[in-house]
Protein backbone atom coordinates (compact mmCIF):
# COMPACT_ATOMS: atom_id res chain seq x y z
CA MET A 1 8.63 -6.38 -0.39
CA GLY A 2 7.16 -4.41 -2.77
CA ILE A 3 7.90 -3.14 -6.28
CA THR A 4 6.19 -0.04 -7.82
CA VAL A 5 6.79 1.07 -11.36
CA SER A 6 4.86 4.13 -12.60
CA ARG A 7 3.65 4.65 -16.20
CA ARG A 8 6.62 6.93 -16.71
CA VAL A 9 8.81 3.87 -16.99
CA GLY A 10 6.98 2.69 -20.07
CA ALA A 11 4.10 0.82 -21.36
CA SER A 12 2.71 -2.02 -19.65
CA VAL A 13 4.87 -4.68 -21.28
CA VAL A 14 8.04 -2.85 -20.28
CA ARG A 15 6.84 -2.08 -16.66
CA ASN A 16 5.98 -5.80 -16.28
CA ARG A 17 9.22 -6.85 -17.74
CA VAL A 18 11.12 -4.54 -15.19
CA LYS A 19 9.08 -6.13 -12.40
CA ARG A 20 9.70 -9.69 -13.16
CA ARG A 21 13.35 -9.08 -13.48
CA LEU A 22 13.48 -7.33 -10.08
CA ARG A 23 11.38 -9.99 -8.53
CA GLU A 24 14.03 -12.64 -9.76
CA VAL A 25 16.84 -10.37 -8.43
CA LEU A 26 15.25 -10.29 -5.00
CA ARG A 27 14.34 -14.01 -4.96
CA LEU A 28 18.16 -14.75 -5.34
CA LEU A 29 19.20 -12.22 -2.62
CA TYR A 30 16.21 -13.03 -0.25
CA PRO A 31 18.41 -15.69 1.81
CA ARG A 32 21.01 -13.02 2.40
CA LEU A 33 18.54 -10.28 3.35
CA CYS A 34 18.31 -8.99 7.01
CA ARG A 35 15.04 -10.03 8.50
CA GLY A 36 12.45 -7.57 10.02
CA TRP A 37 12.38 -4.79 7.39
CA ASP A 38 9.54 -4.01 4.91
CA LEU A 39 11.09 -3.07 1.49
CA VAL A 40 9.48 -0.95 -1.29
CA LEU A 41 11.58 -0.39 -4.56
CA VAL A 42 10.53 2.52 -6.47
CA VAL A 43 11.68 1.98 -10.00
CA ARG A 44 12.89 4.89 -12.07
CA PRO A 45 12.40 5.40 -15.84
CA ALA A 46 15.98 4.47 -16.62
CA ALA A 47 15.20 0.83 -15.54
CA ALA A 48 13.29 0.32 -18.81
CA GLU A 49 16.57 0.32 -20.78
CA ALA A 50 18.62 -1.71 -18.18
CA THR A 51 19.60 -5.09 -18.51
CA TYR A 52 19.12 -8.00 -15.85
CA GLN A 53 22.68 -7.60 -14.94
CA ASP A 54 22.18 -3.84 -14.41
CA LEU A 55 19.19 -4.19 -12.26
CA ALA A 56 20.85 -6.97 -10.23
CA ALA A 57 23.97 -4.81 -9.54
CA ALA A 58 21.87 -1.72 -8.64
CA ALA A 59 19.68 -3.57 -6.22
CA HIS A 60 22.62 -5.39 -4.64
CA SER A 61 24.41 -2.03 -4.23
CA LEU A 62 21.27 -0.36 -2.77
CA LEU A 63 20.68 -3.13 -0.21
CA ARG A 64 24.32 -3.24 0.67
CA ARG A 65 24.46 0.55 1.19
CA ALA A 66 21.38 0.29 3.29
CA ASP A 67 23.03 -2.57 5.24
CA LEU A 68 20.41 -5.15 4.45
CA VAL A 69 22.44 -7.55 2.89
CA SER A 70 24.37 -10.24 5.01
CA THR A 71 27.87 -10.74 3.75
CA THR A 72 28.35 -14.01 5.70
CA ALA A 73 25.31 -16.09 4.42
CA HIS A 74 26.00 -18.47 1.89
CA GLY A 75 23.17 -17.54 -0.47
CA PRO A 76 23.19 -16.92 -4.41
CA GLN A 77 25.24 -14.22 -5.50
CA PRO A 78 23.66 -11.59 -7.99
CA ALA A 79 24.68 -11.91 -11.51
CA SER A 80 27.97 -10.02 -12.23
CA ALA A 81 27.97 -7.18 -14.77
């Protein structure tokens, strides 16, 4: 799993905060992710202003649309918005 955040997102403090939040979201979703896939998330500038709940909802929605999140596992749920 990889997260890439360009300088267009913001200063290094902002980029690192976004990466930390997304790593936590993915850590909580990890038990429910389908195995055998390499994931690279490309962060867009709007993520700089997003809350943790916004990032969690977006990541969960994206992974669900890609059919990479198992709905039958009993892993932790992402935070609700």
